[in-house]
Amino acid sequence: MYTTSGIFSKKEIPLCGHATLASAKVIFLDAAENDILFITGEGLELPIRNNGDNIVMDFPVYDTTPLETPMDMLRALGLTEVCKT
């Protein structure tokens, strides 16, 4: 088990995927095991598996809430509507 944190100029973020992936790669270079577990500063568990040439990260799934896209945002992106697919 390893701990990880993403500390940026203003605050710590709950999960920094790129930094965690890079850390896992370094750990797997010398580790005998193919499965490791990272624990974030907020206690979030992130299992990671060395799958041959690939590193597989099992990210948590969060509940989502549908929102309306503000027209100002659409205009800033040069869009007039949201296409739901």
C-alpha atoms as a PDB file:
ATOM      1  CA  MET A   1       0.000   0.000   0.000  1.00  0.00           C
ATOM      2  CA  TYR A   2       1.235   3.467  -0.921  1.00  0.00           C
ATOM      3  CA  THR A   3      -0.056   6.935  -0.210  1.00  0.00           C
ATOM      4  CA  THR A   4      -0.291   9.696  -2.772  1.00  0.00           C
ATOM      5  CA  SER A   5      -1.255  13.333  -2.897  1.00  0.00           C
ATOM      6  CA  GLY A   6      -1.541  15.956  -5.601  1.00  0.00           C
ATOM      7  CA  ILE A   7      -0.311  19.232  -4.198  1.00  0.00           C
ATOM      8  CA  PHE A   8      -0.533  22.251  -6.452  1.00  0.00           C
ATOM      9  CA  SER A   9       0.220  25.923  -5.863  1.00  0.00           C
ATOM     10  CA  LYS A  10      -3.062  26.693  -4.130  1.00  0.00           C
ATOM     11  CA  LYS A  11      -4.298  23.426  -2.603  1.00  0.00           C
ATOM     12  CA  GLU A  12      -4.215  19.648  -2.525  1.00  0.00           C
ATOM     13  CA  ILE A  13      -6.528  17.838  -4.939  1.00  0.00           C
ATOM     14  CA  PRO A  14      -8.184  14.479  -4.097  1.00  0.00           C
ATOM     15  CA  LEU A  15      -6.667  12.557  -7.018  1.00  0.00           C
ATOM     16  CA  CYS A  16      -3.972  13.354  -9.563  1.00  0.00           C
ATOM     17  CA  GLY A  17      -4.143  10.567 -12.146  1.00  0.00           C
ATOM     18  CA  HIS A  18      -1.016  11.466 -14.134  1.00  0.00           C
ATOM     19  CA  ALA A  19       1.191  11.654 -11.031  1.00  0.00           C
ATOM     20  CA  THR A  20      -0.264   8.405  -9.692  1.00  0.00           C
ATOM     21  CA  LEU A  21       0.313   6.643 -13.015  1.00  0.00           C
ATOM     22  CA  ALA A  22       3.934   7.840 -13.108  1.00  0.00           C
ATOM     23  CA  SER A  23       4.461   6.709  -9.507  1.00  0.00           C
ATOM     24  CA  ALA A  24       2.992   3.287 -10.277  1.00  0.00           C
ATOM     25  CA  LYS A  25       5.311   2.873 -13.259  1.00  0.00           C
ATOM     26  CA  VAL A  26       8.360   3.530 -11.075  1.00  0.00           C
ATOM     27  CA  ILE A  27       7.116   1.171  -8.360  1.00  0.00           C
ATOM     28  CA  PHE A  28       6.442  -1.612 -10.884  1.00  0.00           C
ATOM     29  CA  LEU A  29      10.022  -1.358 -12.187  1.00  0.00           C
ATOM     30  CA  ASP A  30      11.292  -2.932  -8.950  1.00  0.00           C
ATOM     31  CA  ALA A  31       8.186  -4.527  -7.427  1.00  0.00           C
ATOM     32  CA  ALA A  32       7.658  -8.267  -7.474  1.00  0.00           C
ATOM     33  CA  GLU A  33       3.869  -7.899  -7.243  1.00  0.00           C
ATOM     34  CA  ASN A  34       1.555  -6.950 -10.099  1.00  0.00           C
ATOM     35  CA  ASP A  35      -1.082  -5.249  -7.927  1.00  0.00           C
ATOM     36  CA  ILE A  36      -0.584  -2.206  -5.737  1.00  0.00           C
ATOM     37  CA  LEU A  37      -2.955   0.038  -3.844  1.00  0.00           C
ATOM     38  CA  PHE A  38      -2.676   3.800  -3.494  1.00  0.00           C
ATOM     39  CA  ILE A  39      -4.536   5.647  -0.742  1.00  0.00           C
ATOM     40  CA  THR A  40      -5.097   9.373  -1.298  1.00  0.00           C
ATOM     41  CA  GLY A  41      -5.012  12.037   1.395  1.00  0.00           C
ATOM     42  CA  GLU A  42      -8.814  11.841   1.527  1.00  0.00           C
ATOM     43  CA  GLY A  43      -8.752   8.071   2.048  1.00  0.00           C
ATOM     44  CA  LEU A  44      -9.756   7.244  -1.528  1.00  0.00           C
ATOM     45  CA  GLU A  45      -8.503   3.782  -2.561  1.00  0.00           C
ATOM     46  CA  LEU A  46      -7.053   3.445  -6.061  1.00  0.00           C
ATOM     47  CA  PRO A  47      -6.067  -0.125  -7.027  1.00  0.00           C
ATOM     48  CA  ILE A  48      -3.512  -0.356  -9.832  1.00  0.00           C
ATOM     49  CA  ARG A  49      -2.502  -3.455 -11.796  1.00  0.00           C
ATOM     50  CA  ASN A  50       0.561  -4.144 -13.911  1.00  0.00           C
ATOM     51  CA  ASN A  51      -0.888  -5.942 -16.933  1.00  0.00           C
ATOM     52  CA  GLY A  52       2.206  -6.710 -18.996  1.00  0.00           C
ATOM     53  CA  ASP A  53       2.824  -3.687 -21.216  1.00  0.00           C
ATOM     54  CA  ASN A  54      -0.067  -1.753 -19.661  1.00  0.00           C
ATOM     55  CA  ILE A  55      -0.825  -0.265 -16.273  1.00  0.00           C
ATOM     56  CA  VAL A  56      -4.514  -0.484 -15.390  1.00  0.00           C
ATOM     57  CA  MET A  57      -5.934   2.046 -12.946  1.00  0.00           C
ATOM     58  CA  ASP A  58      -9.338   1.379 -11.404  1.00  0.00           C
ATOM     59  CA  PHE A  59     -10.766   4.875 -10.935  1.00  0.00           C
ATOM     60  CA  PRO A  60     -13.682   5.499  -8.582  1.00  0.00           C
ATOM     61  CA  VAL A  61     -17.097   6.225 -10.037  1.00  0.00           C
ATOM     62  CA  TYR A  62     -18.921   9.243  -8.693  1.00  0.00           C
ATOM     63  CA  ASP A  63     -22.620   9.982  -8.865  1.00  0.00           C
ATOM     64  CA  THR A  64     -23.385  12.701 -11.373  1.00  0.00           C
ATOM     65  CA  THR A  65     -26.132  15.269 -11.637  1.00  0.00           C
ATOM     66  CA  PRO A  66     -27.381  16.529 -15.007  1.00  0.00           C
ATOM     67  CA  LEU A  67     -26.987  20.270 -15.464  1.00  0.00           C
ATOM     68  CA  GLU A  68     -28.048  22.760 -18.072  1.00  0.00           C
ATOM     69  CA  THR A  69     -25.159  24.246 -20.012  1.00  0.00           C
ATOM     70  CA  PRO A  70     -25.013  28.028 -19.554  1.00  0.00           C
ATOM     71  CA  MET A  71     -25.490  29.908 -22.826  1.00  0.00           C
ATOM     72  CA  ASP A  72     -22.403  32.038 -22.086  1.00  0.00           C
ATOM     73  CA  MET A  73     -20.321  28.865 -22.055  1.00  0.00           C
ATOM     74  CA  LEU A  74     -21.804  27.674 -25.340  1.00  0.00           C
ATOM     75  CA  ARG A  75     -21.135  31.055 -26.952  1.00  0.00           C
ATOM     76  CA  ALA A  76     -17.545  31.038 -25.670  1.00  0.00           C
ATOM     77  CA  LEU A  77     -17.084  27.659 -27.382  1.00  0.00           C
ATOM     78  CA  GLY A  78     -18.714  28.898 -30.572  1.00  0.00           C
ATOM     79  CA  LEU A  79     -21.759  26.635 -30.118  1.00  0.00           C
ATOM     80  CA  THR A  80     -25.467  27.337 -30.193  1.00  0.00           C
ATOM     81  CA  GLU A  81     -26.764  24.119 -28.637  1.00  0.00           C
ATOM     82  CA  VAL A  82     -25.764  20.959 -26.798  1.00  0.00           C
ATOM     83  CA  CYS A  83     -26.040  17.728 -28.777  1.00  0.00           C
ATOM     84  CA  LYS A  84     -26.981  14.842 -26.504  1.00  0.00           C
ATOM     85  CA  THR A  85     -25.717  11.522 -27.832  1.00  0.00           C
END
